[in-house]
Amino acid sequence: MSGKKQMALDSLLLDQHIQNPVASSILRFQYWTPHAISLGFHQKQYPEAWNAIAQKHGLDIVRRPTGGRAVLHKGDLVYTVVTNADIGGKMRSHREVYEYICEFLIKGFEQLGIKLTYGCSSKGYIHNPSCFSTATNADLVVAGRKLIGSAQVYRHNSVLQHGSIAIAPDYALLTELFQIPVPVIGCQELFAKLPEMPSMDKLESDQSEALLRAKLIEVLSNSARQHLQS
């Protein structure tokens, strides 16, 4: 679906979760068509040039219900988690909830031979329009390059967290948008040498992206089932 419909569905799922005190956690994966630029809820302004770039490349410009900075949704996989903001019946800090949810991502990628760590905190990130240009301690990185950028929104006792997992970043378009090289790394690059994955040079680009998305959905779904509270 389009990014606008995806974000509307995420908001609806969060509202439904709020209304049901015994609701199960929700995990879903998304791929946006057409490709899009998403803006964080509090990101009120963006460069005027983006309108022309979006028209040139057929991109939507969409606002997310969660915070954070702008993300280019092209060559990525978006995940959504809706769950209770209390863990084990006890209210936790936003940081604790974030790390609790991210555990399924960390453990899932670990099964694929990829070690994820949190980025380094940066006080100036709010002034950068690009989510993937800086890696704060709320992001998951590999060797200093961001692989997953995530954000949250809380309503009552429920939380919606979603993020973008880079698969095959369009570096040229990222540079055109943000005017600087963006230090993102994609799964296509990371998984190219893994023995269980077909050689990337034997597949067309769109085929390898689809393969990696399917692999991630399988592994991360299993990881989430084992980790997230029912």
Protein backbone atom coordinates (compact mmCIF):
# COMPACT_ATOMS: atom_id res chain seq x y z
CA MET A 1 0.00 0.00 0.00
CA SER A 2 0.96 3.64 -0.10
CA GLY A 3 2.83 5.08 2.86
CA LYS A 4 -0.17 7.23 3.76
CA LYS A 5 -2.42 4.16 4.04
CA GLN A 6 0.27 2.24 5.93
CA MET A 7 0.59 4.98 8.54
CA ALA A 8 -3.20 5.29 8.85
CA LEU A 9 -3.39 1.54 9.49
CA ASP A 10 -0.66 1.73 12.13
CA SER A 11 -2.58 4.49 13.93
CA LEU A 12 -5.79 2.45 13.74
CA LEU A 13 -4.06 -0.63 15.17
CA LEU A 14 -2.70 1.47 18.04
CA ASP A 15 -6.15 2.90 18.80
CA GLN A 16 -7.69 -0.58 18.76
CA HIS A 17 -4.98 -1.84 21.10
CA ILE A 18 -5.73 0.97 23.55
CA GLN A 19 -9.41 0.02 23.66
CA ASN A 20 -8.70 -3.63 24.50
CA PRO A 21 -6.89 -4.05 27.86
CA VAL A 22 -6.02 -7.69 27.06
CA ALA A 23 -5.03 -7.12 23.44
CA SER A 24 -2.16 -9.18 22.05
CA SER A 25 0.99 -7.56 20.73
CA ILE A 26 0.98 -6.85 16.99
CA LEU A 27 3.85 -7.25 14.54
CA ARG A 28 3.53 -6.48 10.86
CA PHE A 29 5.90 -5.75 7.98
CA GLN A 30 5.35 -3.21 5.22
CA TYR A 31 6.66 -2.35 1.78
CA TRP A 32 5.50 1.00 0.43
CA THR A 33 4.27 1.55 -3.12
CA PRO A 34 5.02 4.09 -4.44
CA HIS A 35 8.33 4.81 -2.73
CA ALA A 36 8.13 7.68 -0.27
CA ILE A 37 9.80 10.11 2.08
CA SER A 38 8.32 9.87 5.56
CA LEU A 39 8.52 12.74 8.03
CA GLY A 40 8.54 12.43 11.80
CA PHE A 41 5.43 13.69 13.60
CA HIS A 42 7.27 16.69 15.03
CA GLN A 43 9.25 17.44 11.85
CA LYS A 44 7.16 20.42 10.85
CA GLN A 45 9.37 21.69 8.03
CA TYR A 46 11.42 20.09 5.28
CA PRO A 47 13.52 21.48 2.41
CA GLU A 48 11.43 23.03 -0.37
CA ALA A 49 13.58 21.20 -2.94
CA TRP A 50 12.12 17.90 -1.76
CA ASN A 51 8.85 18.64 -3.52
CA ALA A 52 10.60 18.80 -6.91
CA ILE A 53 12.74 15.74 -6.12
CA ALA A 54 9.66 13.78 -5.05
CA GLN A 55 7.86 14.68 -8.27
CA LYS A 56 10.92 13.79 -10.35
CA HIS A 57 11.28 10.33 -8.78
CA GLY A 58 7.61 9.56 -8.19
CA LEU A 59 7.88 9.72 -4.40
CA ASP A 60 5.10 10.40 -1.91
CA ILE A 61 5.77 12.64 1.08
CA VAL A 62 4.09 11.13 4.14
CA ARG A 63 3.91 12.06 7.82
CA ARG A 64 4.37 9.34 10.41
CA PRO A 65 2.52 9.19 13.76
CA THR A 66 5.89 8.55 15.45
CA GLY A 67 8.79 10.92 16.03
CA GLY A 68 12.25 11.01 14.49
CA ARG A 69 13.53 12.53 11.28
CA ALA A 70 12.91 11.92 7.58
CA VAL A 71 13.36 8.46 6.04
CA LEU A 72 13.54 7.48 2.38
CA HIS A 73 11.42 4.37 1.92
CA LYS A 74 13.04 2.84 -1.12
CA GLY A 75 14.93 -0.42 -0.88
CA ASP A 76 13.83 -1.00 2.72
CA LEU A 77 11.49 -3.08 4.87
CA VAL A 78 9.32 -1.31 7.44
CA TYR A 79 8.31 -3.08 10.64
CA THR A 80 5.55 -2.13 13.09
CA VAL A 81 5.13 -3.28 16.68
CA VAL A 82 2.12 -2.37 18.81
CA THR A 83 2.28 -3.57 22.40
CA ASN A 84 1.72 -2.63 26.04
CA ALA A 85 3.91 0.11 27.45
CA ASP A 86 4.24 -1.81 30.71
CA ILE A 87 6.56 -4.80 30.78
CA GLY A 88 5.72 -7.60 33.17
CA GLY A 89 2.92 -5.50 34.62
CA LYS A 90 5.25 -2.64 35.55
CA MET A 91 5.58 0.74 33.83
CA ARG A 92 9.03 1.31 32.36
CA SER A 93 10.91 4.27 30.95
CA HIS A 94 10.63 4.94 27.23
CA ARG A 95 14.22 3.81 26.86
CA GLU A 96 13.53 0.50 28.59
CA VAL A 97 10.47 -0.12 26.41
CA TYR A 98 12.47 0.72 23.29
CA GLU A 99 15.26 -1.69 24.19
CA TYR A 100 12.73 -4.39 25.11
CA ILE A 101 11.10 -4.15 21.67
CA CYS A 102 14.42 -3.90 19.82
CA GLU A 103 15.55 -7.17 21.34
CA PHE A 104 13.66 -9.15 18.70
CA LEU A 105 15.59 -7.29 15.99
CA ILE A 106 18.95 -7.83 17.68
CA LYS A 107 18.31 -11.53 18.29
CA GLY A 108 16.88 -12.06 14.81
CA PHE A 109 19.89 -10.56 13.05
CA GLU A 110 22.20 -12.46 15.39
CA GLN A 111 20.69 -15.67 14.01
CA LEU A 112 21.76 -14.48 10.56
CA GLY A 113 25.31 -13.78 11.70
CA ILE A 114 24.93 -9.99 12.00
CA LYS A 115 25.78 -8.29 15.31
CA LEU A 116 23.79 -5.10 15.88
CA THR A 117 24.73 -2.47 18.45
CA TYR A 118 23.15 0.83 19.49
CA GLY A 119 24.58 3.98 17.96
CA CYS A 120 26.28 6.79 19.83
CA SER A 121 24.12 9.57 21.19
CA SER A 122 24.23 12.84 19.29
CA LYS A 123 22.63 15.98 20.72
CA GLY A 124 22.60 17.69 17.34
CA TYR A 125 20.67 15.01 15.46
CA ILE A 126 17.42 16.97 15.69
CA HIS A 127 18.88 19.57 13.31
CA ASN A 128 19.59 16.97 10.63
CA PRO A 129 16.59 16.29 8.36
CA SER A 130 17.75 12.72 7.62
CA CYS A 131 17.10 9.87 10.05
CA PHE A 132 19.91 7.78 8.56
CA SER A 133 22.55 10.53 8.52
CA THR A 134 23.11 10.23 12.27
CA ALA A 135 23.14 7.20 14.56
CA THR A 136 21.89 8.02 18.06
CA ASN A 137 21.67 5.56 20.95
CA ALA A 138 18.15 4.76 19.71
CA ASP A 139 19.41 3.29 16.43
CA LEU A 140 20.84 -0.09 15.49
CA VAL A 141 24.13 0.00 13.62
CA VAL A 142 26.78 -2.25 12.12
CA ALA A 143 30.37 -0.95 12.31
CA GLY A 144 29.11 2.60 12.80
CA ARG A 145 26.71 2.57 9.83
CA LYS A 146 22.99 2.59 10.52
CA LEU A 147 20.98 -0.44 9.47
CA ILE A 148 17.73 0.22 11.36
CA GLY A 149 16.21 3.54 12.36
CA SER A 150 13.18 3.38 14.68
CA ALA A 151 10.75 5.71 16.44
CA GLN A 152 7.85 5.51 18.89
CA VAL A 153 4.56 7.08 19.93
CA TYR A 154 2.73 6.43 23.21
CA ARG A 155 -1.03 6.61 23.74
CA HIS A 156 -2.37 5.72 27.17
CA ASN A 157 -0.81 2.37 28.11
CA SER A 158 0.10 1.32 24.56
CA VAL A 159 3.09 2.03 22.36
CA LEU A 160 3.58 1.97 18.61
CA GLN A 161 7.14 1.47 17.45
CA HIS A 162 8.11 1.19 13.85
CA GLY A 163 11.28 1.48 11.89
CA SER A 164 12.99 1.14 8.55
CA ILE A 165 15.36 -1.78 7.91
CA ALA A 166 17.69 -0.90 5.03
CA ILE A 167 17.80 -3.58 2.33
CA ALA A 168 19.30 -1.98 -0.78
CA PRO A 169 19.67 1.79 -0.18
CA ASP A 170 19.53 4.13 -3.16
CA TYR A 171 22.68 6.09 -2.27
CA ALA A 172 22.39 8.48 -5.21
CA LEU A 173 18.83 9.47 -4.29
CA LEU A 174 19.76 9.76 -0.59
CA THR A 175 22.57 12.16 -1.49
CA GLU A 176 20.26 14.14 -3.79
CA LEU A 177 17.74 14.51 -0.95
CA PHE A 178 20.04 15.26 1.96
CA GLN A 179 22.94 16.90 0.07
CA ILE A 180 25.54 14.77 1.88
CA PRO A 181 26.52 11.10 1.73
CA VAL A 182 24.31 9.12 4.12
CA PRO A 183 26.22 6.48 6.18
CA VAL A 184 23.60 3.75 5.90
CA ILE A 185 24.35 0.08 5.25
CA GLY A 186 21.90 -2.34 3.65
CA CYS A 187 21.20 -6.03 4.23
CA GLN A 188 22.09 -6.73 0.60
CA GLU A 189 25.66 -5.66 1.32
CA LEU A 190 25.83 -7.39 4.71
CA PHE A 191 24.35 -10.70 3.60
CA ALA A 192 26.23 -11.01 0.31
CA LYS A 193 28.93 -13.17 1.92
CA LEU A 194 26.73 -15.31 4.14
CA PRO A 195 26.84 -18.99 3.03
CA GLU A 196 23.10 -19.55 3.50
CA MET A 197 22.18 -16.71 1.15
CA PRO A 198 22.37 -17.09 -2.66
CA SER A 199 25.17 -15.13 -4.27
CA MET A 200 23.90 -11.63 -4.93
CA ASP A 201 25.65 -11.43 -8.30
CA LYS A 202 23.46 -14.28 -9.54
CA LEU A 203 20.24 -12.38 -8.96
CA GLU A 204 18.69 -9.29 -10.44
CA SER A 205 18.50 -6.40 -7.97
CA ASP A 206 14.73 -6.59 -7.48
CA GLN A 207 14.92 -10.38 -7.02
CA SER A 208 17.60 -10.14 -4.35
CA GLU A 209 15.62 -7.44 -2.50
CA ALA A 210 12.52 -9.63 -2.48
CA LEU A 211 14.57 -12.61 -1.30
CA LEU A 212 16.09 -10.65 1.56
CA ARG A 213 12.72 -9.23 2.62
CA ALA A 214 11.23 -12.72 2.72
CA LYS A 215 14.19 -14.01 4.74
CA LEU A 216 13.99 -11.15 7.22
CA ILE A 217 10.23 -11.49 7.68
CA GLU A 218 10.64 -15.20 8.42
CA VAL A 219 13.50 -14.80 10.90
CA LEU A 220 12.23 -11.66 12.64
CA SER A 221 8.69 -13.02 12.96
CA ASN A 222 10.00 -16.09 14.75
CA SER A 223 12.23 -13.95 16.95
CA ALA A 224 9.30 -11.68 17.88
CA ARG A 225 7.06 -14.63 18.76
CA GLN A 226 9.70 -15.88 21.18
CA HIS A 227 10.36 -12.48 22.71
CA LEU A 228 7.37 -10.10 22.72
CA GLN A 229 4.74 -10.53 25.38
CA SER A 230 1.52 -12.20 24.22
